[in-house]
């Protein structure tokens, strides 16, 4: 019995020492001054569109003929205090498909080509399934004017006859510089 009491007493002392040591090892207090600085900016990009973006009763054409088509004109304005990197993405306008009763006539993205012009620089590409047509940067307090033309790729087969394409633009904005945090003395 005497050994059992000693054993319990020793175990209790080990537990108390372990708890005291753990508290001392994992707690730390520092006195003094610490300077915290945070810099932020505002980012505001808006889109001004002029006309609709649809292809109906179209057929495959060459790039030279596609470039003769009407432009879809739009403007991006960055009225914020931060520069911005952005993507311009074409997304299907499902409301327009329903309005025109042509949801069963959707023309796939990969059958289209486009031309996008910014600052008199024109780019001609095949439209990818992700719909991204431009990636660029817009500085604070600046604007970017765009002209977009869409047409059915001349290499598309006869299966595109009578198909429709209705889209709208989506602008995905990512701050050009991440927020800068200076923390510490």
N, C-alpha and C. Protein backbone atom coordinates (compact mmCIF):
# COMPACT_ATOMS: atom_id res chain seq x y z
N UNK A 1 0.81 -1.18 0.00
CA UNK A 1 0.00 0.00 0.00
C UNK A 1 0.86 1.25 0.00
N UNK A 2 1.97 1.15 0.78
CA UNK A 2 2.88 2.28 0.89
C UNK A 2 3.51 2.59 -0.47
N UNK A 3 3.86 1.53 -1.23
CA UNK A 3 4.45 1.72 -2.56
C UNK A 3 3.44 2.32 -3.53
N UNK A 4 2.18 1.92 -3.38
CA UNK A 4 1.13 2.44 -4.25
C UNK A 4 0.93 3.93 -4.04
N UNK A 5 0.99 4.40 -2.77
CA UNK A 5 0.85 5.83 -2.46
C UNK A 5 2.03 6.61 -3.03
N UNK A 6 3.23 6.04 -2.92
CA UNK A 6 4.43 6.69 -3.46
C UNK A 6 4.31 6.81 -4.99
N UNK A 7 3.84 5.74 -5.61
CA UNK A 7 3.70 5.74 -7.06
C UNK A 7 2.69 6.80 -7.51
N UNK A 8 1.55 6.91 -6.81
CA UNK A 8 0.56 7.92 -7.15
C UNK A 8 1.13 9.31 -6.94
N UNK A 9 1.88 9.52 -5.84
CA UNK A 9 2.50 10.81 -5.55
C UNK A 9 3.50 11.19 -6.63
N UNK A 10 4.31 10.25 -7.08
CA UNK A 10 5.32 10.51 -8.12
C UNK A 10 4.63 10.83 -9.45
N UNK A 11 3.58 10.09 -9.78
CA UNK A 11 2.86 10.34 -11.02
C UNK A 11 2.23 11.73 -11.01
N UNK A 12 1.63 12.13 -9.87
CA UNK A 12 1.05 13.46 -9.75
C UNK A 12 2.11 14.55 -9.92
N UNK A 13 3.26 14.37 -9.34
CA UNK A 13 4.35 15.36 -9.46
C UNK A 13 4.81 15.45 -10.92
N UNK A 14 4.90 14.32 -11.61
CA UNK A 14 5.32 14.33 -13.02
C UNK A 14 4.29 15.07 -13.87
N UNK A 15 3.01 14.84 -13.58
CA UNK A 15 1.94 15.51 -14.33
C UNK A 15 2.00 17.02 -14.10
N UNK A 16 2.17 17.44 -12.84
CA UNK A 16 2.25 18.88 -12.53
C UNK A 16 3.46 19.49 -13.21
N UNK A 17 4.59 18.83 -13.17
CA UNK A 17 5.81 19.36 -13.83
C UNK A 17 5.61 19.43 -15.35
N UNK A 18 4.99 18.40 -15.92
CA UNK A 18 4.77 18.39 -17.37
C UNK A 18 3.86 19.53 -17.78
N UNK A 19 2.78 19.75 -17.03
CA UNK A 19 1.87 20.86 -17.34
C UNK A 19 2.58 22.20 -17.21
N UNK A 20 3.34 22.37 -16.15
CA UNK A 20 4.08 23.63 -15.96
C UNK A 20 5.10 23.86 -17.06
N UNK A 21 5.82 22.81 -17.45
CA UNK A 21 6.80 22.92 -18.52
C UNK A 21 6.11 23.24 -19.85
N UNK A 22 4.99 22.55 -20.15
CA UNK A 22 4.26 22.79 -21.40
C UNK A 22 3.79 24.23 -21.48
N UNK A 23 3.26 24.77 -20.39
CA UNK A 23 2.80 26.15 -20.39
C UNK A 23 3.95 27.10 -20.65
N UNK A 24 5.09 26.87 -20.00
CA UNK A 24 6.26 27.73 -20.17
C UNK A 24 6.81 27.62 -21.59
N UNK A 25 6.79 26.41 -22.16
CA UNK A 25 7.34 26.21 -23.50
C UNK A 25 6.47 26.82 -24.58
N UNK A 26 5.16 26.85 -24.40
CA UNK A 26 4.26 27.30 -25.46
C UNK A 26 3.66 28.68 -25.24
N UNK A 27 4.06 29.36 -24.25
CA UNK A 27 3.58 30.74 -24.07
C UNK A 27 4.76 31.68 -24.19
N UNK A 28 4.51 32.81 -24.83
CA UNK A 28 5.56 33.79 -25.06
C UNK A 28 4.93 35.17 -25.04
N UNK A 29 5.52 36.07 -24.34
CA UNK A 29 5.02 37.44 -24.26
C UNK A 29 6.15 38.37 -24.64
N UNK A 30 5.81 39.37 -25.48
CA UNK A 30 6.81 40.36 -25.90
C UNK A 30 6.25 41.73 -25.62
N UNK A 31 7.05 42.58 -25.05
CA UNK A 31 6.66 43.96 -24.80
C UNK A 31 7.37 44.84 -25.81
N UNK A 32 6.74 45.94 -26.16
CA UNK A 32 7.38 46.87 -27.07
C UNK A 32 6.39 47.38 -28.09
N UNK A 33 6.92 48.15 -29.07
CA UNK A 33 6.07 48.72 -30.11
C UNK A 33 6.24 47.93 -31.39
N UNK A 34 5.14 47.70 -32.07
CA UNK A 34 5.16 47.05 -33.37
C UNK A 34 4.36 47.93 -34.33
N UNK A 35 4.94 48.18 -35.49
CA UNK A 35 4.30 49.02 -36.50
C UNK A 35 3.59 48.12 -37.51
N UNK A 36 2.30 48.38 -37.76
CA UNK A 36 1.52 47.64 -38.75
C UNK A 36 1.06 48.61 -39.82
N UNK A 37 1.39 48.30 -41.07
CA UNK A 37 0.99 49.14 -42.19
C UNK A 37 0.26 48.30 -43.22
N UNK A 38 -0.85 48.80 -43.73
CA UNK A 38 -1.60 48.11 -44.77
C UNK A 38 -1.91 49.12 -45.86
N UNK A 39 -1.58 48.76 -47.10
CA UNK A 39 -1.89 49.62 -48.24
C UNK A 39 -2.93 48.93 -49.10
N UNK A 40 -3.97 49.64 -49.46
CA UNK A 40 -4.98 49.07 -50.34
C UNK A 40 -5.36 50.11 -51.37
N UNK A 41 -5.98 49.65 -52.43
CA UNK A 41 -6.51 50.54 -53.46
C UNK A 41 -7.90 50.08 -53.83
N UNK A 42 -8.60 50.88 -54.58
CA UNK A 42 -9.92 50.46 -55.03
C UNK A 42 -9.83 50.10 -56.50
N UNK A 43 -10.60 49.14 -56.87
CA UNK A 43 -10.62 48.66 -58.24
C UNK A 43 -12.06 48.67 -58.71
N UNK A 44 -12.31 49.42 -59.76
CA UNK A 44 -13.66 49.49 -60.30
C UNK A 44 -13.56 49.50 -61.81
N UNK A 45 -13.99 48.42 -62.43
CA UNK A 45 -13.97 48.31 -63.88
C UNK A 45 -15.42 48.14 -64.34
N UNK A 46 -15.85 48.97 -65.29
CA UNK A 46 -17.20 48.80 -65.81
C UNK A 46 -17.16 48.60 -67.32
N UNK A 47 -18.24 48.03 -67.84
CA UNK A 47 -18.34 47.65 -69.23
C UNK A 47 -19.46 48.45 -69.88
N UNK A 48 -19.16 49.09 -71.00
CA UNK A 48 -20.17 49.81 -71.78
C UNK A 48 -20.29 49.09 -73.12
N UNK A 49 -21.49 48.55 -73.42
CA UNK A 49 -21.73 47.81 -74.65
C UNK A 49 -22.65 48.59 -75.56
N UNK A 50 -22.46 48.47 -76.88
CA UNK A 50 -23.27 49.21 -77.84
C UNK A 50 -24.34 48.37 -78.51
N UNK A 51 -24.03 47.15 -78.90
CA UNK A 51 -24.99 46.37 -79.66
C UNK A 51 -24.96 44.90 -79.23
N UNK A 52 -25.86 44.09 -79.77
CA UNK A 52 -25.98 42.69 -79.35
C UNK A 52 -24.94 41.81 -80.03
N UNK A 53 -24.77 40.62 -79.48
CA UNK A 53 -23.76 39.69 -79.97
C UNK A 53 -24.45 38.37 -80.32
N UNK A 54 -24.87 38.25 -81.58
CA UNK A 54 -25.60 37.06 -82.03
C UNK A 54 -25.22 36.73 -83.46
N UNK A 55 -25.24 35.44 -83.77
CA UNK A 55 -25.11 34.95 -85.14
C UNK A 55 -26.32 34.08 -85.42
N UNK A 56 -27.12 34.45 -86.41
CA UNK A 56 -28.26 33.63 -86.83
C UNK A 56 -28.25 33.60 -88.35
N UNK A 57 -28.72 32.53 -88.90
CA UNK A 57 -28.75 32.36 -90.36
C UNK A 57 -27.38 32.61 -90.99
N UNK A 58 -26.34 32.23 -90.29
CA UNK A 58 -24.98 32.41 -90.79
C UNK A 58 -24.46 31.11 -91.39
N UNK A 59 -23.38 31.22 -92.11
CA UNK A 59 -22.75 30.07 -92.74
C UNK A 59 -21.25 30.27 -92.69
N UNK A 60 -20.47 29.21 -92.88
CA UNK A 60 -19.01 29.33 -92.82
C UNK A 60 -18.49 30.32 -93.88
N UNK A 61 -17.54 31.17 -93.44
CA UNK A 61 -16.92 32.15 -94.35
C UNK A 61 -15.42 32.22 -94.10
N UNK A 62 -14.73 32.76 -95.05
CA UNK A 62 -13.29 32.96 -94.91
C UNK A 62 -13.02 34.07 -93.90
N UNK A 63 -11.80 34.14 -93.43
CA UNK A 63 -11.44 35.22 -92.50
C UNK A 63 -11.63 36.59 -93.14
N UNK A 64 -11.27 36.72 -94.42
CA UNK A 64 -11.41 38.03 -95.07
C UNK A 64 -12.88 38.46 -95.13
N UNK A 65 -13.79 37.51 -95.36
CA UNK A 65 -15.22 37.84 -95.36
C UNK A 65 -15.72 38.09 -93.93
N UNK A 66 -15.24 37.31 -92.97
CA UNK A 66 -15.63 37.50 -91.58
C UNK A 66 -15.24 38.88 -91.06
N UNK A 67 -14.10 39.37 -91.51
CA UNK A 67 -13.63 40.69 -91.08
C UNK A 67 -14.47 41.83 -91.66
N UNK A 68 -15.24 41.53 -92.70
CA UNK A 68 -16.11 42.56 -93.30
C UNK A 68 -17.42 42.73 -92.53
N UNK A 69 -17.69 41.82 -91.60
CA UNK A 69 -18.95 41.85 -90.85
C UNK A 69 -19.01 43.01 -89.86
N UNK A 70 -20.19 43.16 -89.25
CA UNK A 70 -20.41 44.23 -88.27
C UNK A 70 -19.61 43.97 -86.99
N UNK A 71 -19.21 45.07 -86.35
CA UNK A 71 -18.46 45.00 -85.10
C UNK A 71 -19.40 45.05 -83.90
N UNK A 72 -19.01 44.35 -82.86
CA UNK A 72 -19.64 44.47 -81.55
C UNK A 72 -18.69 45.36 -80.76
N UNK A 73 -19.12 46.58 -80.46
CA UNK A 73 -18.25 47.56 -79.83
C UNK A 73 -18.52 47.64 -78.34
N UNK A 74 -17.45 47.70 -77.56
CA UNK A 74 -17.60 47.86 -76.12
C UNK A 74 -16.37 48.56 -75.55
N UNK A 75 -16.54 49.07 -74.34
CA UNK A 75 -15.49 49.85 -73.69
C UNK A 75 -15.37 49.42 -72.24
N UNK A 76 -14.13 49.25 -71.78
CA UNK A 76 -13.85 48.99 -70.37
C UNK A 76 -13.29 50.26 -69.76
N UNK A 77 -13.79 50.61 -68.58
CA UNK A 77 -13.29 51.78 -67.85
C UNK A 77 -12.80 51.33 -66.49
N UNK A 78 -11.60 51.71 -66.11
CA UNK A 78 -11.11 51.45 -64.76
C UNK A 78 -11.11 52.79 -64.02
N UNK A 79 -12.14 53.01 -63.22
CA UNK A 79 -12.26 54.26 -62.48
C UNK A 79 -11.72 54.13 -61.06
N UNK A 80 -11.10 53.01 -60.76
CA UNK A 80 -10.54 52.79 -59.42
C UNK A 80 -9.14 53.35 -59.29
N UNK A 81 -8.52 53.04 -58.17
CA UNK A 81 -7.17 53.54 -57.89
C UNK A 81 -6.10 52.47 -58.08
N UNK A 82 -6.50 51.28 -58.51
CA UNK A 82 -5.55 50.18 -58.73
C UNK A 82 -5.58 49.76 -60.19
N UNK A 83 -4.42 49.36 -60.71
CA UNK A 83 -4.35 48.77 -62.03
C UNK A 83 -4.99 47.38 -61.96
N UNK A 84 -5.44 46.87 -63.10
CA UNK A 84 -6.11 45.57 -63.09
C UNK A 84 -5.72 44.72 -64.28
N UNK A 85 -5.52 43.46 -64.03
CA UNK A 85 -5.37 42.47 -65.08
C UNK A 85 -6.77 41.89 -65.27
N UNK A 86 -7.16 41.63 -66.52
CA UNK A 86 -8.51 41.14 -66.75
C UNK A 86 -8.55 40.16 -67.92
N UNK A 87 -9.64 39.40 -67.95
CA UNK A 87 -9.94 38.52 -69.06
C UNK A 87 -11.31 38.92 -69.59
N UNK A 88 -11.45 38.89 -70.91
CA UNK A 88 -12.75 39.07 -71.54
C UNK A 88 -13.18 37.69 -72.02
N UNK A 89 -14.36 37.27 -71.56
CA UNK A 89 -14.83 35.91 -71.82
C UNK A 89 -16.21 35.97 -72.47
N UNK A 90 -16.39 35.23 -73.54
CA UNK A 90 -17.71 35.07 -74.15
C UNK A 90 -18.42 33.93 -73.44
N UNK A 91 -19.63 34.18 -72.98
CA UNK A 91 -20.45 33.14 -72.37
C UNK A 91 -21.78 33.08 -73.10
N UNK A 92 -22.34 31.89 -73.19
CA UNK A 92 -23.62 31.73 -73.87
C UNK A 92 -24.69 32.57 -73.18
N UNK A 93 -25.52 33.22 -73.97
CA UNK A 93 -26.64 34.00 -73.45
C UNK A 93 -27.88 33.10 -73.49
N UNK A 94 -28.05 32.30 -72.44
CA UNK A 94 -29.14 31.33 -72.40
C UNK A 94 -30.51 32.00 -72.44
N UNK A 95 -30.63 33.21 -71.88
CA UNK A 95 -31.91 33.93 -71.94
C UNK A 95 -32.28 34.23 -73.39
N UNK A 96 -31.31 34.59 -74.20
CA UNK A 96 -31.56 34.90 -75.61
C UNK A 96 -31.95 33.63 -76.38
N UNK A 97 -31.30 32.50 -76.05
CA UNK A 97 -31.67 31.24 -76.69
C UNK A 97 -33.14 30.90 -76.40
N UNK A 98 -33.56 31.10 -75.14
CA UNK A 98 -34.95 30.82 -74.77
C UNK A 98 -35.88 31.81 -75.47
N UNK A 99 -35.52 33.09 -75.48
CA UNK A 99 -36.34 34.13 -76.11
C UNK A 99 -36.56 33.83 -77.60
N UNK A 100 -35.52 33.35 -78.27
CA UNK A 100 -35.61 33.05 -79.71
C UNK A 100 -36.07 31.62 -80.00
N UNK A 101 -36.35 30.86 -78.94
CA UNK A 101 -36.77 29.44 -79.08
C UNK A 101 -35.79 28.65 -79.93
N UNK A 102 -34.51 28.83 -79.65
CA UNK A 102 -33.50 28.14 -80.46
C UNK A 102 -32.46 27.40 -79.60
N UNK A 103 -32.86 27.00 -78.39
CA UNK A 103 -31.92 26.30 -77.49
C UNK A 103 -31.39 25.02 -78.10
N UNK A 104 -32.15 24.41 -79.00
CA UNK A 104 -31.71 23.18 -79.65
C UNK A 104 -30.84 23.43 -80.88
N UNK A 105 -30.55 24.70 -81.17
CA UNK A 105 -29.76 25.06 -82.36
C UNK A 105 -28.43 25.72 -82.02
N UNK A 106 -27.91 25.47 -80.82
CA UNK A 106 -26.68 26.14 -80.37
C UNK A 106 -25.49 25.77 -81.24
N UNK A 107 -24.78 26.79 -81.66
CA UNK A 107 -23.56 26.63 -82.44
C UNK A 107 -22.39 26.49 -81.45
N UNK A 108 -21.61 25.42 -81.53
CA UNK A 108 -20.50 25.24 -80.59
C UNK A 108 -19.41 26.31 -80.75
N UNK A 109 -18.80 26.67 -79.64
CA UNK A 109 -17.72 27.67 -79.64
C UNK A 109 -16.62 27.32 -80.63
N UNK A 110 -16.26 26.03 -80.70
CA UNK A 110 -15.10 25.64 -81.51
C UNK A 110 -15.36 25.71 -83.02
N UNK A 111 -16.54 26.12 -83.43
CA UNK A 111 -16.85 26.32 -84.85
C UNK A 111 -16.73 27.79 -85.25
N UNK A 112 -16.34 28.63 -84.29
CA UNK A 112 -16.31 30.08 -84.53
C UNK A 112 -14.89 30.62 -84.57
N UNK A 113 -14.75 31.72 -85.25
CA UNK A 113 -13.51 32.51 -85.23
C UNK A 113 -13.90 33.92 -84.85
N UNK A 114 -12.92 34.67 -84.37
CA UNK A 114 -13.20 36.05 -83.98
C UNK A 114 -12.00 36.94 -84.27
N UNK A 115 -12.31 38.20 -84.33
CA UNK A 115 -11.30 39.24 -84.44
C UNK A 115 -11.59 40.22 -83.30
N UNK A 116 -10.56 40.57 -82.56
CA UNK A 116 -10.73 41.57 -81.50
C UNK A 116 -9.68 42.65 -81.72
N UNK A 117 -10.14 43.89 -81.70
CA UNK A 117 -9.25 45.04 -81.95
C UNK A 117 -9.26 45.94 -80.72
N UNK A 118 -8.06 46.26 -80.25
CA UNK A 118 -7.87 47.20 -79.12
C UNK A 118 -6.71 48.11 -79.51
N UNK A 119 -6.94 49.40 -79.41
CA UNK A 119 -5.89 50.37 -79.75
C UNK A 119 -5.31 50.12 -81.14
N UNK A 120 -6.19 49.86 -82.10
CA UNK A 120 -5.82 49.61 -83.50
C UNK A 120 -4.95 48.38 -83.71
N UNK A 121 -4.90 47.49 -82.72
CA UNK A 121 -4.17 46.23 -82.87
C UNK A 121 -5.21 45.12 -82.94
N UNK A 122 -5.19 44.40 -84.08
CA UNK A 122 -6.19 43.37 -84.32
C UNK A 122 -5.58 41.98 -84.15
N UNK A 123 -6.36 41.11 -83.53
CA UNK A 123 -5.96 39.72 -83.32
C UNK A 123 -7.08 38.85 -83.88
N UNK A 124 -6.72 37.83 -84.70
CA UNK A 124 -7.69 36.90 -85.26
C UNK A 124 -7.37 35.51 -84.70
N UNK A 125 -8.39 34.87 -84.12
CA UNK A 125 -8.18 33.57 -83.47
C UNK A 125 -9.40 32.68 -83.67
N UNK A 126 -9.20 31.39 -83.47
CA UNK A 126 -10.33 30.46 -83.36
C UNK A 126 -10.81 30.54 -81.92
N UNK A 127 -12.11 30.48 -81.73
CA UNK A 127 -12.68 30.57 -80.38
C UNK A 127 -12.50 29.24 -79.66
N UNK A 128 -11.98 29.30 -78.47
CA UNK A 128 -11.77 28.10 -77.65
C UNK A 128 -13.02 27.83 -76.82
N UNK A 129 -13.15 26.61 -76.32
CA UNK A 129 -14.32 26.23 -75.54
C UNK A 129 -14.45 27.03 -74.24
N UNK A 130 -13.33 27.54 -73.70
CA UNK A 130 -13.41 28.32 -72.46
C UNK A 130 -13.93 29.74 -72.70
N UNK A 131 -14.03 30.16 -73.96
CA UNK A 131 -14.60 31.47 -74.29
C UNK A 131 -13.70 32.66 -74.08
N UNK A 132 -12.47 32.47 -73.59
CA UNK A 132 -11.56 33.60 -73.34
C UNK A 132 -11.12 34.18 -74.68
N UNK A 133 -11.37 35.48 -74.87
CA UNK A 133 -10.98 36.12 -76.14
C UNK A 133 -9.90 37.18 -75.94
N UNK A 134 -9.63 37.57 -74.70
CA UNK A 134 -8.61 38.60 -74.46
C UNK A 134 -8.15 38.54 -73.02
N UNK A 135 -6.85 38.72 -72.81
CA UNK A 135 -6.27 38.90 -71.49
C UNK A 135 -5.37 40.12 -71.60
N UNK A 136 -5.55 41.06 -70.70
CA UNK A 136 -4.77 42.28 -70.78
C UNK A 136 -4.74 42.96 -69.42
N UNK A 137 -4.17 44.15 -69.40
CA UNK A 137 -4.09 44.96 -68.19
C UNK A 137 -4.64 46.34 -68.50
N UNK A 138 -5.37 46.89 -67.55
CA UNK A 138 -5.88 48.25 -67.68
C UNK A 138 -5.40 49.04 -66.46
N UNK A 139 -4.79 50.18 -66.73
CA UNK A 139 -4.27 51.01 -65.65
C UNK A 139 -5.39 51.80 -64.99
N UNK A 140 -5.12 52.23 -63.79
CA UNK A 140 -6.06 53.06 -63.05
C UNK A 140 -6.39 54.31 -63.85
N UNK A 141 -7.66 54.68 -63.86
CA UNK A 141 -8.16 55.90 -64.51
C UNK A 141 -8.02 55.86 -66.03
N UNK A 142 -7.94 54.66 -66.61
CA UNK A 142 -7.84 54.54 -68.06
C UNK A 142 -9.01 53.74 -68.62
N UNK A 143 -9.17 53.81 -69.94
CA UNK A 143 -10.23 53.10 -70.65
C UNK A 143 -9.61 52.29 -71.79
N UNK A 144 -10.33 51.27 -72.21
CA UNK A 144 -9.91 50.47 -73.36
C UNK A 144 -11.12 50.27 -74.26
N UNK A 145 -10.99 50.64 -75.52
CA UNK A 145 -12.07 50.48 -76.51
C UNK A 145 -11.81 49.23 -77.33
N UNK A 146 -12.85 48.44 -77.51
CA UNK A 146 -12.74 47.19 -78.25
C UNK A 146 -13.75 47.13 -79.38
N UNK A 147 -13.36 46.38 -80.43
CA UNK A 147 -14.24 46.00 -81.52
C UNK A 147 -14.07 44.50 -81.69
N UNK A 148 -15.21 43.80 -81.62
CA UNK A 148 -15.20 42.35 -81.73
C UNK A 148 -16.05 41.93 -82.93
N UNK A 149 -15.51 41.01 -83.72
CA UNK A 149 -16.26 40.44 -84.85
C UNK A 149 -16.23 38.92 -84.70
N UNK A 150 -17.38 38.30 -84.97
CA UNK A 150 -17.51 36.85 -84.91
C UNK A 150 -18.00 36.31 -86.24
N UNK A 151 -17.53 35.12 -86.62
CA UNK A 151 -18.02 34.46 -87.81
C UNK A 151 -17.79 32.96 -87.66
N UNK A 152 -18.48 32.21 -88.50
CA UNK A 152 -18.32 30.76 -88.50
C UNK A 152 -17.08 30.42 -89.32
N UNK A 153 -16.22 29.62 -88.73
CA UNK A 153 -14.97 29.21 -89.35
C UNK A 153 -15.23 28.55 -90.70
N UNK A 154 -14.44 28.91 -91.69
CA UNK A 154 -14.63 28.36 -93.04
C UNK A 154 -14.42 26.85 -93.07
N UNK A 155 -13.74 26.29 -92.08
CA UNK A 155 -13.49 24.85 -92.03
C UNK A 155 -14.62 24.08 -91.35
N UNK A 156 -15.63 24.80 -90.82
CA UNK A 156 -16.78 24.13 -90.20
C UNK A 156 -17.57 23.43 -91.30
N UNK A 157 -18.12 22.30 -90.99
CA UNK A 157 -18.87 21.54 -91.99
C UNK A 157 -20.30 22.03 -92.14
N UNK A 158 -21.05 21.33 -92.96
CA UNK A 158 -22.44 21.68 -93.22
C UNK A 158 -23.34 21.53 -92.00
N UNK A 159 -22.86 20.82 -90.97
CA UNK A 159 -23.68 20.61 -89.78
C UNK A 159 -23.99 21.91 -89.03
N UNK A 160 -23.31 23.01 -89.38
CA UNK A 160 -23.55 24.30 -88.71
C UNK A 160 -24.68 25.09 -89.36
N UNK A 161 -25.17 24.61 -90.48
CA UNK A 161 -26.24 25.32 -91.18
C UNK A 161 -27.46 25.45 -90.28
N UNK A 162 -28.00 26.65 -90.17
CA UNK A 162 -29.19 26.90 -89.38
C UNK A 162 -28.96 27.02 -87.88
N UNK A 163 -27.71 26.94 -87.44
CA UNK A 163 -27.39 27.03 -86.01
C UNK A 163 -27.36 28.50 -85.59
N UNK A 164 -27.53 28.72 -84.29
CA UNK A 164 -27.51 30.07 -83.72
C UNK A 164 -26.40 30.18 -82.69
N UNK A 165 -25.91 31.39 -82.52
CA UNK A 165 -24.95 31.68 -81.45
C UNK A 165 -25.37 32.99 -80.80
N UNK A 166 -25.66 32.94 -79.51
CA UNK A 166 -26.01 34.13 -78.73
C UNK A 166 -25.06 34.16 -77.53
N UNK A 167 -24.39 35.29 -77.35
CA UNK A 167 -23.42 35.39 -76.27
C UNK A 167 -23.49 36.75 -75.60
N UNK A 168 -22.90 36.80 -74.44
CA UNK A 168 -22.69 38.07 -73.76
C UNK A 168 -21.28 38.04 -73.19
N UNK A 169 -20.80 39.20 -72.83
CA UNK A 169 -19.44 39.29 -72.33
C UNK A 169 -19.41 39.17 -70.81
N UNK A 170 -18.38 38.53 -70.34
CA UNK A 170 -18.10 38.45 -68.92
C UNK A 170 -16.68 38.98 -68.74
N UNK A 171 -16.52 39.90 -67.81
CA UNK A 171 -15.20 40.45 -67.54
C UNK A 171 -14.73 39.89 -66.20
N UNK A 172 -13.61 39.21 -66.21
CA UNK A 172 -13.02 38.66 -64.99
C UNK A 172 -11.82 39.54 -64.65
N UNK A 173 -11.89 40.21 -63.51
CA UNK A 173 -10.85 41.16 -63.13
C UNK A 173 -10.04 40.60 -61.97
N UNK A 174 -8.71 40.68 -62.10
CA UNK A 174 -7.79 40.25 -61.07
C UNK A 174 -6.87 41.43 -60.78
N UNK A 175 -6.72 41.86 -59.52
CA UNK A 175 -5.81 42.98 -59.24
C UNK A 175 -4.43 42.71 -59.82
N UNK A 176 -3.86 43.73 -60.48
CA UNK A 176 -2.55 43.59 -61.10
C UNK A 176 -1.49 43.30 -60.06
N UNK A 177 -1.53 44.02 -58.96
CA UNK A 177 -0.63 43.78 -57.84
C UNK A 177 -1.47 43.36 -56.67
N UNK A 178 -1.02 42.30 -55.98
CA UNK A 178 -1.78 41.90 -54.80
C UNK A 178 -1.60 42.96 -53.72
N UNK A 179 -2.52 42.97 -52.77
CA UNK A 179 -2.47 43.94 -51.68
C UNK A 179 -1.14 43.81 -50.97
N UNK A 180 -0.51 44.93 -50.67
CA UNK A 180 0.79 44.95 -50.05
C UNK A 180 0.64 45.14 -48.55
N UNK A 181 1.11 44.17 -47.77
CA UNK A 181 1.05 44.26 -46.33
C UNK A 181 2.47 44.37 -45.79
N UNK A 182 2.76 45.39 -45.02
CA UNK A 182 4.02 45.52 -44.30
C UNK A 182 3.69 45.33 -42.84
N UNK A 183 4.09 44.24 -42.26
CA UNK A 183 3.79 43.98 -40.85
C UNK A 183 5.09 43.79 -40.13
N UNK A 184 5.25 44.47 -38.98
CA UNK A 184 6.45 44.35 -38.16
C UNK A 184 7.11 45.68 -37.98
N UNK A 185 8.19 45.65 -37.21
CA UNK A 185 8.91 46.90 -36.88
C UNK A 185 9.89 47.25 -37.95
